[in-house]
Amino acid sequence: MVMLRDREERGPALLVASLLIVGTVFYALVEGWGVIDAVYFSAMSLATVGYGDLVPETPEGKLFTVVYVLAGIGILVSFFTALTAKTLTLLRQRQAERESAG
């Protein structure tokens, strides 16, 4: 992934990965879910999909989910904004290279 190579743009990608890891560990430990279910729920919650097939049962899980989703939305918006900016920059560079070569 191009963003991981650029030191200044690495932050949003690492935040998303960290957020998924934290969510996975939390749900596995507190809710007693398997790793796959915990990753799945974390990703679906951050994407605000919320299928409803998994639901936190504990008060701690419910409170964590509220904070997790509210913080996660901002982090995901930051990540996708940085990814879009990087993609547009690369596309413009390639177009400029083609125009100067042609």
PDB file of N, CA and C in Angstrom:
ATOM      1  N   MET A   1       0.850  -1.176   0.000  1.00  0.00           N
ATOM      2  CA  MET A   1       0.000   0.000   0.000  1.00  0.00           C
ATOM      3  C   MET A   1       0.898   1.244   0.000  1.00  0.00           C
ATOM      4  N   VAL A   2       0.616   2.148  -0.894  1.00  0.00           N
ATOM      5  CA  VAL A   2       1.437   3.337  -1.091  1.00  0.00           C
ATOM      6  C   VAL A   2       1.492   4.208   0.157  1.00  0.00           C
ATOM      7  N   MET A   3       0.384   4.311   0.872  1.00  0.00           N
ATOM      8  CA  MET A   3       0.351   5.178   2.055  1.00  0.00           C
ATOM      9  C   MET A   3       1.319   4.716   3.139  1.00  0.00           C
ATOM     10  N   LEU A   4       1.575   3.434   3.234  1.00  0.00           N
ATOM     11  CA  LEU A   4       2.460   2.927   4.283  1.00  0.00           C
ATOM     12  C   LEU A   4       3.920   3.254   3.998  1.00  0.00           C
ATOM     13  N   ARG A   5       4.255   3.503   2.740  1.00  0.00           N
ATOM     14  CA  ARG A   5       5.634   3.853   2.393  1.00  0.00           C
ATOM     15  C   ARG A   5       5.979   5.297   2.746  1.00  0.00           C
ATOM     16  N   ASP A   6       4.993   6.165   2.714  1.00  0.00           N
ATOM     17  CA  ASP A   6       5.209   7.581   2.997  1.00  0.00           C
ATOM     18  C   ASP A   6       5.041   7.831   4.493  1.00  0.00           C
ATOM     19  N   ARG A   7       6.103   8.262   5.137  1.00  0.00           N
ATOM     20  CA  ARG A   7       6.111   8.435   6.593  1.00  0.00           C
ATOM     21  C   ARG A   7       5.017   9.382   7.082  1.00  0.00           C
ATOM     22  N   GLU A   8       4.767  10.452   6.350  1.00  0.00           N
ATOM     23  CA  GLU A   8       3.781  11.442   6.772  1.00  0.00           C
ATOM     24  C   GLU A   8       2.340  10.957   6.595  1.00  0.00           C
ATOM     25  N   GLU A   9       2.122   9.998   5.715  1.00  0.00           N
ATOM     26  CA  GLU A   9       0.769   9.512   5.442  1.00  0.00           C
ATOM     27  C   GLU A   9       0.486   8.173   6.121  1.00  0.00           C
ATOM     28  N   ARG A  10       1.434   7.680   6.851  1.00  0.00           N
ATOM     29  CA  ARG A  10       1.297   6.386   7.512  1.00  0.00           C
ATOM     30  C   ARG A  10       0.323   6.422   8.693  1.00  0.00           C
ATOM     31  N   GLY A  11       0.192   7.568   9.328  1.00  0.00           N
ATOM     32  CA  GLY A  11      -0.606   7.712  10.537  1.00  0.00           C
ATOM     33  C   GLY A  11      -2.037   7.220  10.436  1.00  0.00           C
ATOM     34  N   PRO A  12      -2.821   7.699   9.463  1.00  0.00           N
ATOM     35  CA  PRO A  12      -4.213   7.252   9.378  1.00  0.00           C
ATOM     36  C   PRO A  12      -4.352   5.737   9.183  1.00  0.00           C
ATOM     37  N   ALA A  13      -3.487   5.136   8.381  1.00  0.00           N
ATOM     38  CA  ALA A  13      -3.555   3.684   8.163  1.00  0.00           C
ATOM     39  C   ALA A  13      -3.229   2.930   9.441  1.00  0.00           C
ATOM     40  N   LEU A  14      -2.233   3.394  10.170  1.00  0.00           N
ATOM     41  CA  LEU A  14      -1.878   2.745  11.429  1.00  0.00           C
ATOM     42  C   LEU A  14      -2.959   2.929  12.483  1.00  0.00           C
ATOM     43  N   LEU A  15      -3.621   4.074  12.469  1.00  0.00           N
ATOM     44  CA  LEU A  15      -4.733   4.295  13.398  1.00  0.00           C
ATOM     45  C   LEU A  15      -5.889   3.327  13.135  1.00  0.00           C
ATOM     46  N   VAL A  16      -6.206   3.113  11.872  1.00  0.00           N
ATOM     47  CA  VAL A  16      -7.278   2.183  11.526  1.00  0.00           C
ATOM     48  C   VAL A  16      -6.906   0.767  11.961  1.00  0.00           C
ATOM     49  N   ALA A  17      -5.677   0.359  11.667  1.00  0.00           N
ATOM     50  CA  ALA A  17      -5.224  -0.976  12.076  1.00  0.00           C
ATOM     51  C   ALA A  17      -5.254  -1.114  13.599  1.00  0.00           C
ATOM     52  N   SER A  18      -4.778  -0.085  14.290  1.00  0.00           N
ATOM     53  CA  SER A  18      -4.780  -0.117  15.759  1.00  0.00           C
ATOM     54  C   SER A  18      -6.198  -0.194  16.303  1.00  0.00           C
ATOM     55  N   LEU A  19      -7.086   0.553  15.698  1.00  0.00           N
ATOM     56  CA  LEU A  19      -8.479   0.560  16.140  1.00  0.00           C
ATOM     57  C   LEU A  19      -9.115  -0.821  15.976  1.00  0.00           C
ATOM     58  N   LEU A  20      -8.843  -1.480  14.868  1.00  0.00           N
ATOM     59  CA  LEU A  20      -9.368  -2.828  14.656  1.00  0.00           C
ATOM     60  C   LEU A  20      -8.784  -3.820  15.664  1.00  0.00           C
ATOM     61  N   ILE A  21      -7.503  -3.678  15.955  1.00  0.00           N
ATOM     62  CA  ILE A  21      -6.853  -4.566  16.934  1.00  0.00           C
ATOM     63  C   ILE A  21      -7.441  -4.349  18.323  1.00  0.00           C
ATOM     64  N   VAL A  22      -7.571  -3.088  18.737  1.00  0.00           N
ATOM     65  CA  VAL A  22      -8.131  -2.775  20.059  1.00  0.00           C
ATOM     66  C   VAL A  22      -9.554  -3.320  20.178  1.00  0.00           C
ATOM     67  N   GLY A  23     -10.368  -3.091  19.153  1.00  0.00           N
ATOM     68  CA  GLY A  23     -11.736  -3.587  19.169  1.00  0.00           C
ATOM     69  C   GLY A  23     -11.780  -5.103  19.232  1.00  0.00           C
ATOM     70  N   THR A  24     -10.957  -5.748  18.450  1.00  0.00           N
ATOM     71  CA  THR A  24     -10.918  -7.208  18.424  1.00  0.00           C
ATOM     72  C   THR A  24     -10.545  -7.776  19.783  1.00  0.00           C
ATOM     73  N   VAL A  25      -9.487  -7.230  20.377  1.00  0.00           N
ATOM     74  CA  VAL A  25      -9.045  -7.703  21.692  1.00  0.00           C
ATOM     75  C   VAL A  25     -10.135  -7.460  22.739  1.00  0.00           C
ATOM     76  N   PHE A  26     -10.713  -6.272  22.725  1.00  0.00           N
ATOM     77  CA  PHE A  26     -11.751  -5.949  23.706  1.00  0.00           C
ATOM     78  C   PHE A  26     -12.924  -6.913  23.601  1.00  0.00           C
ATOM     79  N   TYR A  27     -13.480  -7.072  22.411  1.00  0.00           N
ATOM     80  CA  TYR A  27     -14.659  -7.921  22.260  1.00  0.00           C
ATOM     81  C   TYR A  27     -14.351  -9.391  22.541  1.00  0.00           C
ATOM     82  N   ALA A  28     -13.155  -9.823  22.205  1.00  0.00           N
ATOM     83  CA  ALA A  28     -12.783 -11.206  22.507  1.00  0.00           C
ATOM     84  C   ALA A  28     -12.707 -11.422  24.022  1.00  0.00           C
ATOM     85  N   LEU A  29     -12.119 -10.465  24.729  1.00  0.00           N
ATOM     86  CA  LEU A  29     -11.950 -10.616  26.175  1.00  0.00           C
ATOM     87  C   LEU A  29     -13.238 -10.343  26.960  1.00  0.00           C
ATOM     88  N   VAL A  30     -13.904  -9.253  26.648  1.00  0.00           N
ATOM     89  CA  VAL A  30     -15.053  -8.824  27.446  1.00  0.00           C
ATOM     90  C   VAL A  30     -16.334  -9.560  27.047  1.00  0.00           C
ATOM     91  N   GLU A  31     -16.561  -9.707  25.755  1.00  0.00           N
ATOM     92  CA  GLU A  31     -17.788 -10.365  25.301  1.00  0.00           C
ATOM     93  C   GLU A  31     -17.605 -11.870  25.120  1.00  0.00           C
ATOM     94  N   GLY A  32     -16.348 -12.329  25.128  1.00  0.00           N
ATOM     95  CA  GLY A  32     -16.087 -13.754  24.988  1.00  0.00           C
ATOM     96  C   GLY A  32     -16.246 -14.271  23.573  1.00  0.00           C
ATOM     97  N   TRP A  33     -16.158 -13.381  22.579  1.00  0.00           N
ATOM     98  CA  TRP A  33     -16.310 -13.780  21.185  1.00  0.00           C
ATOM     99  C   TRP A  33     -14.995 -14.347  20.661  1.00  0.00           C
ATOM    100  N   GLY A  34     -15.087 -15.161  19.624  1.00  0.00           N
ATOM    101  CA  GLY A  34     -13.898 -15.625  18.922  1.00  0.00           C
ATOM    102  C   GLY A  34     -13.269 -14.466  18.147  1.00  0.00           C
ATOM    103  N   VAL A  35     -12.040 -14.658  17.742  1.00  0.00           N
ATOM    104  CA  VAL A  35     -11.310 -13.589  17.045  1.00  0.00           C
ATOM    105  C   VAL A  35     -12.022 -13.168  15.759  1.00  0.00           C
ATOM    106  N   ILE A  36     -12.500 -14.131  15.001  1.00  0.00           N
ATOM    107  CA  ILE A  36     -13.174 -13.798  13.736  1.00  0.00           C
ATOM    108  C   ILE A  36     -14.426 -12.963  13.989  1.00  0.00           C
ATOM    109  N   ASP A  37     -15.237 -13.365  14.955  1.00  0.00           N
ATOM    110  CA  ASP A  37     -16.433 -12.591  15.276  1.00  0.00           C
ATOM    111  C   ASP A  37     -16.070 -11.204  15.790  1.00  0.00           C
ATOM    112  N   ALA A  38     -15.014 -11.110  16.592  1.00  0.00           N
ATOM    113  CA  ALA A  38     -14.597  -9.822  17.150  1.00  0.00           C
ATOM    114  C   ALA A  38     -14.092  -8.882  16.057  1.00  0.00           C
ATOM    115  N   VAL A  39     -13.305  -9.400  15.112  1.00  0.00           N
ATOM    116  CA  VAL A  39     -12.821  -8.575  13.990  1.00  0.00           C
ATOM    117  C   VAL A  39     -14.003  -8.131  13.128  1.00  0.00           C
ATOM    118  N   TYR A  40     -14.878  -9.084  12.847  1.00  0.00           N
ATOM    119  CA  TYR A  40     -16.054  -8.803  12.031  1.00  0.00           C
ATOM    120  C   TYR A  40     -16.916  -7.708  12.665  1.00  0.00           C
ATOM    121  N   PHE A  41     -17.203  -7.852  13.951  1.00  0.00           N
ATOM    122  CA  PHE A  41     -18.036  -6.853  14.620  1.00  0.00           C
ATOM    123  C   PHE A  41     -17.339  -5.494  14.648  1.00  0.00           C
ATOM    124  N   SER A  42     -16.040  -5.490  14.898  1.00  0.00           N
ATOM    125  CA  SER A  42     -15.277  -4.236  14.922  1.00  0.00           C
ATOM    126  C   SER A  42     -15.354  -3.532  13.577  1.00  0.00           C
ATOM    127  N   ALA A  43     -15.133  -4.273  12.508  1.00  0.00           N
ATOM    128  CA  ALA A  43     -15.161  -3.677  11.166  1.00  0.00           C
ATOM    129  C   ALA A  43     -16.561  -3.190  10.800  1.00  0.00           C
ATOM    130  N   MET A  44     -17.577  -3.995  11.090  1.00  0.00           N
ATOM    131  CA  MET A  44     -18.952  -3.598  10.770  1.00  0.00           C
ATOM    132  C   MET A  44     -19.385  -2.381  11.592  1.00  0.00           C
ATOM    133  N   SER A  45     -18.935  -2.307  12.827  1.00  0.00           N
ATOM    134  CA  SER A  45     -19.276  -1.156  13.667  1.00  0.00           C
ATOM    135  C   SER A  45     -18.607   0.106  13.145  1.00  0.00           C
ATOM    136  N   LEU A  46     -17.327   0.009  12.794  1.00  0.00           N
ATOM    137  CA  LEU A  46     -16.611   1.178  12.289  1.00  0.00           C
ATOM    138  C   LEU A  46     -17.181   1.649  10.955  1.00  0.00           C
ATOM    139  N   ALA A  47     -17.645   0.714  10.169  1.00  0.00           N
ATOM    140  CA  ALA A  47     -18.240   1.068   8.879  1.00  0.00           C
ATOM    141  C   ALA A  47     -19.697   1.510   9.032  1.00  0.00           C
ATOM    142  N   THR A  48     -20.182   1.498  10.248  1.00  0.00           N
ATOM    143  CA  THR A  48     -21.558   1.847  10.610  1.00  0.00           C
ATOM    144  C   THR A  48     -22.587   1.003   9.863  1.00  0.00           C
ATOM    145  N   VAL A  49     -22.225  -0.232   9.560  1.00  0.00           N
ATOM    146  CA  VAL A  49     -23.145  -1.144   8.882  1.00  0.00           C
ATOM    147  C   VAL A  49     -24.115  -1.727   9.895  1.00  0.00           C
ATOM    148  N   GLY A  50     -23.599  -2.323  10.957  1.00  0.00           N
ATOM    149  CA  GLY A  50     -24.422  -2.829  12.039  1.00  0.00           C
ATOM    150  C   GLY A  50     -25.507  -3.800  11.616  1.00  0.00           C
ATOM    151  N   TYR A  51     -25.130  -4.975  11.147  1.00  0.00           N
ATOM    152  CA  TYR A  51     -26.111  -5.967  10.710  1.00  0.00           C
ATOM    153  C   TYR A  51     -27.008  -6.447  11.844  1.00  0.00           C
ATOM    154  N   GLY A  52     -26.517  -6.436  13.069  1.00  0.00           N
ATOM    155  CA  GLY A  52     -27.323  -6.870  14.201  1.00  0.00           C
ATOM    156  C   GLY A  52     -27.204  -8.340  14.518  1.00  0.00           C
ATOM    157  N   ASP A  53     -26.359  -9.056  13.767  1.00  0.00           N
ATOM    158  CA  ASP A  53     -26.194 -10.479  14.043  1.00  0.00           C
ATOM    159  C   ASP A  53     -25.346 -10.722  15.294  1.00  0.00           C
ATOM    160  N   LEU A  54     -24.489  -9.780  15.629  1.00  0.00           N
ATOM    161  CA  LEU A  54     -23.726  -9.802  16.879  1.00  0.00           C
ATOM    162  C   LEU A  54     -24.041  -8.517  17.627  1.00  0.00           C
ATOM    163  N   VAL A  55     -24.247  -8.646  18.919  1.00  0.00           N
ATOM    164  CA  VAL A  55     -24.578  -7.483  19.738  1.00  0.00           C
ATOM    165  C   VAL A  55     -23.876  -7.636  21.081  1.00  0.00           C
ATOM    166  N   PRO A  56     -23.202  -6.575  21.549  1.00  0.00           N
ATOM    167  CA  PRO A  56     -22.591  -6.674  22.881  1.00  0.00           C
ATOM    168  C   PRO A  56     -23.660  -6.929  23.945  1.00  0.00           C
ATOM    169  N   GLU A  57     -23.363  -7.834  24.853  1.00  0.00           N
ATOM    170  CA  GLU A  57     -24.317  -8.193  25.904  1.00  0.00           C
ATOM    171  C   GLU A  57     -24.003  -7.509  27.231  1.00  0.00           C
ATOM    172  N   THR A  58     -22.736  -7.201  27.466  1.00  0.00           N
ATOM    173  CA  THR A  58     -22.334  -6.631  28.754  1.00  0.00           C
ATOM    174  C   THR A  58     -22.475  -5.116  28.727  1.00  0.00           C
ATOM    175  N   PRO A  59     -22.698  -4.502  29.892  1.00  0.00           N
ATOM    176  CA  PRO A  59     -22.725  -3.032  29.953  1.00  0.00           C
ATOM    177  C   PRO A  59     -21.397  -2.422  29.491  1.00  0.00           C
ATOM    178  N   GLU A  60     -20.287  -3.077  29.842  1.00  0.00           N
ATOM    179  CA  GLU A  60     -18.973  -2.579  29.417  1.00  0.00           C
ATOM    180  C   GLU A  60     -18.840  -2.614  27.898  1.00  0.00           C
ATOM    181  N   GLY A  61     -19.348  -3.697  27.305  1.00  0.00           N
ATOM    182  CA  GLY A  61     -19.298  -3.827  25.851  1.00  0.00           C
ATOM    183  C   GLY A  61     -20.145  -2.785  25.148  1.00  0.00           C
ATOM    184  N   LYS A  62     -21.298  -2.506  25.718  1.00  0.00           N
ATOM    185  CA  LYS A  62     -22.177  -1.503  25.124  1.00  0.00           C
ATOM    186  C   LYS A  62     -21.567  -0.103  25.209  1.00  0.00           C
ATOM    187  N   LEU A  63     -21.029   0.241  26.372  1.00  0.00           N
ATOM    188  CA  LEU A  63     -20.397   1.563  26.531  1.00  0.00           C
ATOM    189  C   LEU A  63     -19.154   1.700  25.653  1.00  0.00           C
ATOM    190  N   PHE A  64     -18.350   0.644  25.604  1.00  0.00           N
ATOM    191  CA  PHE A  64     -17.157   0.669  24.749  1.00  0.00           C
ATOM    192  C   PHE A  64     -17.559   0.884  23.292  1.00  0.00           C
ATOM    193  N   THR A  65     -18.612   0.221  22.871  1.00  0.00           N
ATOM    194  CA  THR A  65     -19.048   0.324  21.480  1.00  0.00           C
ATOM    195  C   THR A  65     -19.460   1.744  21.120  1.00  0.00           C
ATOM    196  N   VAL A  66     -20.129   2.426  22.028  1.00  0.00           N
ATOM    197  CA  VAL A  66     -20.519   3.818  21.777  1.00  0.00           C
ATOM    198  C   VAL A  66     -19.276   4.674  21.519  1.00  0.00           C
ATOM    199  N   VAL A  67     -18.307   4.583  22.409  1.00  0.00           N
ATOM    200  CA  VAL A  67     -17.081   5.377  22.258  1.00  0.00           C
ATOM    201  C   VAL A  67     -16.297   4.928  21.031  1.00  0.00           C
ATOM    202  N   TYR A  68     -16.225   3.614  20.831  1.00  0.00           N
ATOM    203  CA  TYR A  68     -15.483   3.020  19.713  1.00  0.00           C
ATOM    204  C   TYR A  68     -16.005   3.516  18.369  1.00  0.00           C
ATOM    205  N   VAL A  69     -17.319   3.492  18.211  1.00  0.00           N
ATOM    206  CA  VAL A  69     -17.908   3.926  16.944  1.00  0.00           C
ATOM    207  C   VAL A  69     -17.739   5.426  16.741  1.00  0.00           C
ATOM    208  N   LEU A  70     -17.981   6.217  17.766  1.00  0.00           N
ATOM    209  CA  LEU A  70     -17.852   7.672  17.616  1.00  0.00           C
ATOM    210  C   LEU A  70     -16.416   8.078  17.296  1.00  0.00           C
ATOM    211  N   ALA A  71     -15.450   7.478  17.961  1.00  0.00           N
ATOM    212  CA  ALA A  71     -14.039   7.772  17.666  1.00  0.00           C
ATOM    213  C   ALA A  71     -13.650   7.189  16.311  1.00  0.00           C
ATOM    214  N   GLY A  72     -14.141   5.996  16.033  1.00  0.00           N
ATOM    215  CA  GLY A  72     -13.762   5.310  14.806  1.00  0.00           C
ATOM    216  C   GLY A  72     -14.228   5.995  13.546  1.00  0.00           C
ATOM    217  N   ILE A  73     -15.383   6.612  13.587  1.00  0.00           N
ATOM    218  CA  ILE A  73     -15.890   7.308  12.402  1.00  0.00           C
ATOM    219  C   ILE A  73     -14.917   8.404  11.985  1.00  0.00           C
ATOM    220  N   GLY A  74     -14.460   9.183  12.942  1.00  0.00           N
ATOM    221  CA  GLY A  74     -13.496  10.245  12.634  1.00  0.00           C
ATOM    222  C   GLY A  74     -12.190   9.706  12.079  1.00  0.00           C
ATOM    223  N   ILE A  75     -11.730   8.623  12.653  1.00  0.00           N
ATOM    224  CA  ILE A  75     -10.472   8.020  12.193  1.00  0.00           C
ATOM    225  C   ILE A  75     -10.635   7.462  10.779  1.00  0.00           C
ATOM    226  N   LEU A  76     -11.761   6.814  10.499  1.00  0.00           N
ATOM    227  CA  LEU A  76     -11.984   6.289   9.151  1.00  0.00           C
ATOM    228  C   LEU A  76     -12.127   7.407   8.119  1.00  0.00           C
ATOM    229  N   VAL A  77     -12.804   8.479   8.484  1.00  0.00           N
ATOM    230  CA  VAL A  77     -12.916   9.620   7.564  1.00  0.00           C
ATOM    231  C   VAL A  77     -11.526  10.177   7.266  1.00  0.00           C
ATOM    232  N   SER A  78     -10.706  10.301   8.287  1.00  0.00           N
ATOM    233  CA  SER A  78      -9.331  10.774   8.104  1.00  0.00           C
ATOM    234  C   SER A  78      -8.545   9.846   7.179  1.00  0.00           C
ATOM    235  N   PHE A  79      -8.690   8.546   7.395  1.00  0.00           N
ATOM    236  CA  PHE A  79      -7.988   7.562   6.567  1.00  0.00           C
ATOM    237  C   PHE A  79      -8.415   7.654   5.108  1.00  0.00           C
ATOM    238  N   PHE A  80      -9.721   7.664   4.859  1.00  0.00           N
ATOM    239  CA  PHE A  80     -10.200   7.692   3.480  1.00  0.00           C
ATOM    240  C   PHE A  80      -9.915   9.030   2.794  1.00  0.00           C
ATOM    241  N   THR A  81      -9.884  10.102   3.561  1.00  0.00           N
ATOM    242  CA  THR A  81      -9.498  11.401   2.999  1.00  0.00           C
ATOM    243  C   THR A  81      -8.042  11.371   2.550  1.00  0.00           C
ATOM    244  N   ALA A  82      -7.163  10.841   3.402  1.00  0.00           N
ATOM    245  CA  ALA A  82      -5.740  10.742   3.062  1.00  0.00           C
ATOM    246  C   ALA A  82      -5.539   9.794   1.876  1.00  0.00           C
ATOM    247  N   LEU A  83      -6.260   8.684   1.860  1.00  0.00           N
ATOM    248  CA  LEU A  83      -6.141   7.721   0.763  1.00  0.00           C
ATOM    249  C   LEU A  83      -6.589   8.342  -0.558  1.00  0.00           C
ATOM    250  N   THR A  84      -7.682   9.074  -0.536  1.00  0.00           N
ATOM    251  CA  THR A  84      -8.179   9.735  -1.745  1.00  0.00           C
ATOM    252  C   THR A  84      -7.201  10.792  -2.232  1.00  0.00           C
ATOM    253  N   ALA A  85      -6.669  11.569  -1.313  1.00  0.00           N
ATOM    254  CA  ALA A  85      -5.696  12.609  -1.686  1.00  0.00           C
ATOM    255  C   ALA A  85      -4.458  11.987  -2.319  1.00  0.00           C
ATOM    256  N   LYS A  86      -3.970  10.900  -1.736  1.00  0.00           N
ATOM    257  CA  LYS A  86      -2.782  10.226  -2.268  1.00  0.00           C
ATOM    258  C   LYS A  86      -3.074   9.645  -3.646  1.00  0.00           C
ATOM    259  N   THR A  87      -4.233   9.048  -3.821  1.00  0.00           N
ATOM    260  CA  THR A  87      -4.613   8.463  -5.106  1.00  0.00           C
ATOM    261  C   THR A  87      -4.716   9.531  -6.181  1.00  0.00           C
ATOM    262  N   LEU A  88      -5.345  10.651  -5.848  1.00  0.00           N
ATOM    263  CA  LEU A  88      -5.451  11.748  -6.823  1.00  0.00           C
ATOM    264  C   LEU A  88      -4.089  12.304  -7.196  1.00  0.00           C
ATOM    265  N   THR A  89      -3.208  12.431  -6.225  1.00  0.00           N
ATOM    266  CA  THR A  89      -1.852  12.919  -6.493  1.00  0.00           C
ATOM    267  C   THR A  89      -1.131  11.980  -7.451  1.00  0.00           C
ATOM    268  N   LEU A  90      -1.213  10.679  -7.200  1.00  0.00           N
ATOM    269  CA  LEU A  90      -0.554   9.705  -8.076  1.00  0.00           C
ATOM    270  C   LEU A  90      -1.146   9.721  -9.484  1.00  0.00           C
ATOM    271  N   LEU A  91      -2.463   9.832  -9.583  1.00  0.00           N
ATOM    272  CA  LEU A  91      -3.097   9.887 -10.906  1.00  0.00           C
ATOM    273  C   LEU A  91      -2.667  11.135 -11.681  1.00  0.00           C
ATOM    274  N   ARG A  92      -2.591  12.261 -10.993  1.00  0.00           N
ATOM    275  CA  ARG A  92      -2.156  13.500 -11.651  1.00  0.00           C
ATOM    276  C   ARG A  92      -0.700  13.410 -12.101  1.00  0.00           C
ATOM    277  N   GLN A  93       0.138  12.775 -11.279  1.00  0.00           N
ATOM    278  CA  GLN A  93       1.542  12.602 -11.657  1.00  0.00           C
ATOM    279  C   GLN A  93       1.670  11.728 -12.896  1.00  0.00           C
ATOM    280  N   ARG A  94       0.920  10.655 -12.926  1.00  0.00           N
ATOM    281  CA  ARG A  94       0.970   9.750 -14.102  1.00  0.00           C
ATOM    282  C   ARG A  94       0.459  10.445 -15.356  1.00  0.00           C
ATOM    283  N   GLN A  95      -0.591  11.241 -15.200  1.00  0.00           N
ATOM    284  CA  GLN A  95      -1.133  11.960 -16.345  1.00  0.00           C
ATOM    285  C   GLN A  95      -0.112  12.985 -16.854  1.00  0.00           C
ATOM    286  N   ALA A  96       0.541  13.686 -15.943  1.00  0.00           N
ATOM    287  CA  ALA A  96       1.562  14.661 -16.338  1.00  0.00           C
ATOM    288  C   ALA A  96       2.727  13.971 -17.028  1.00  0.00           C
ATOM    289  N   GLU A  97       3.116  12.795 -16.547  1.00  0.00           N
ATOM    290  CA  GLU A  97       4.213  12.046 -17.170  1.00  0.00           C
ATOM    291  C   GLU A  97       3.837  11.612 -18.587  1.00  0.00           C
ATOM    292  N   ARG A  98       2.590  11.158 -18.777  1.00  0.00           N
ATOM    293  CA  ARG A  98       2.135  10.752 -20.096  1.00  0.00           C
ATOM    294  C   ARG A  98       2.099  11.931 -21.059  1.00  0.00           C
ATOM    295  N   GLU A  99       1.624  13.071 -20.562  1.00  0.00           N
ATOM    296  CA  GLU A  99       1.535  14.263 -21.412  1.00  0.00           C
ATOM    297  C   GLU A  99       2.913  14.766 -21.797  1.00  0.00           C
ATOM    298  N   SER A 100       3.872  14.702 -20.896  1.00  0.00           N
ATOM    299  CA  SER A 100       5.222  15.173 -21.228  1.00  0.00           C
ATOM    300  C   SER A 100       5.959  14.186 -22.119  1.00  0.00           C
ATOM    301  N   ALA A 101       5.605  12.913 -22.062  1.00  0.00           N
ATOM    302  CA  ALA A 101       6.255  11.913 -22.898  1.00  0.00           C
ATOM    303  C   ALA A 101       5.637  11.852 -24.297  1.00  0.00           C
ATOM    304  N   GLY A 102       4.397  12.286 -24.386  1.00  0.00           N
ATOM    305  CA  GLY A 102       3.647  12.129 -25.645  1.00  0.00           C
ATOM    306  C   GLY A 102       3.752  13.292 -26.493  1.00  0.00           C
TER     307      GLY A 102
END
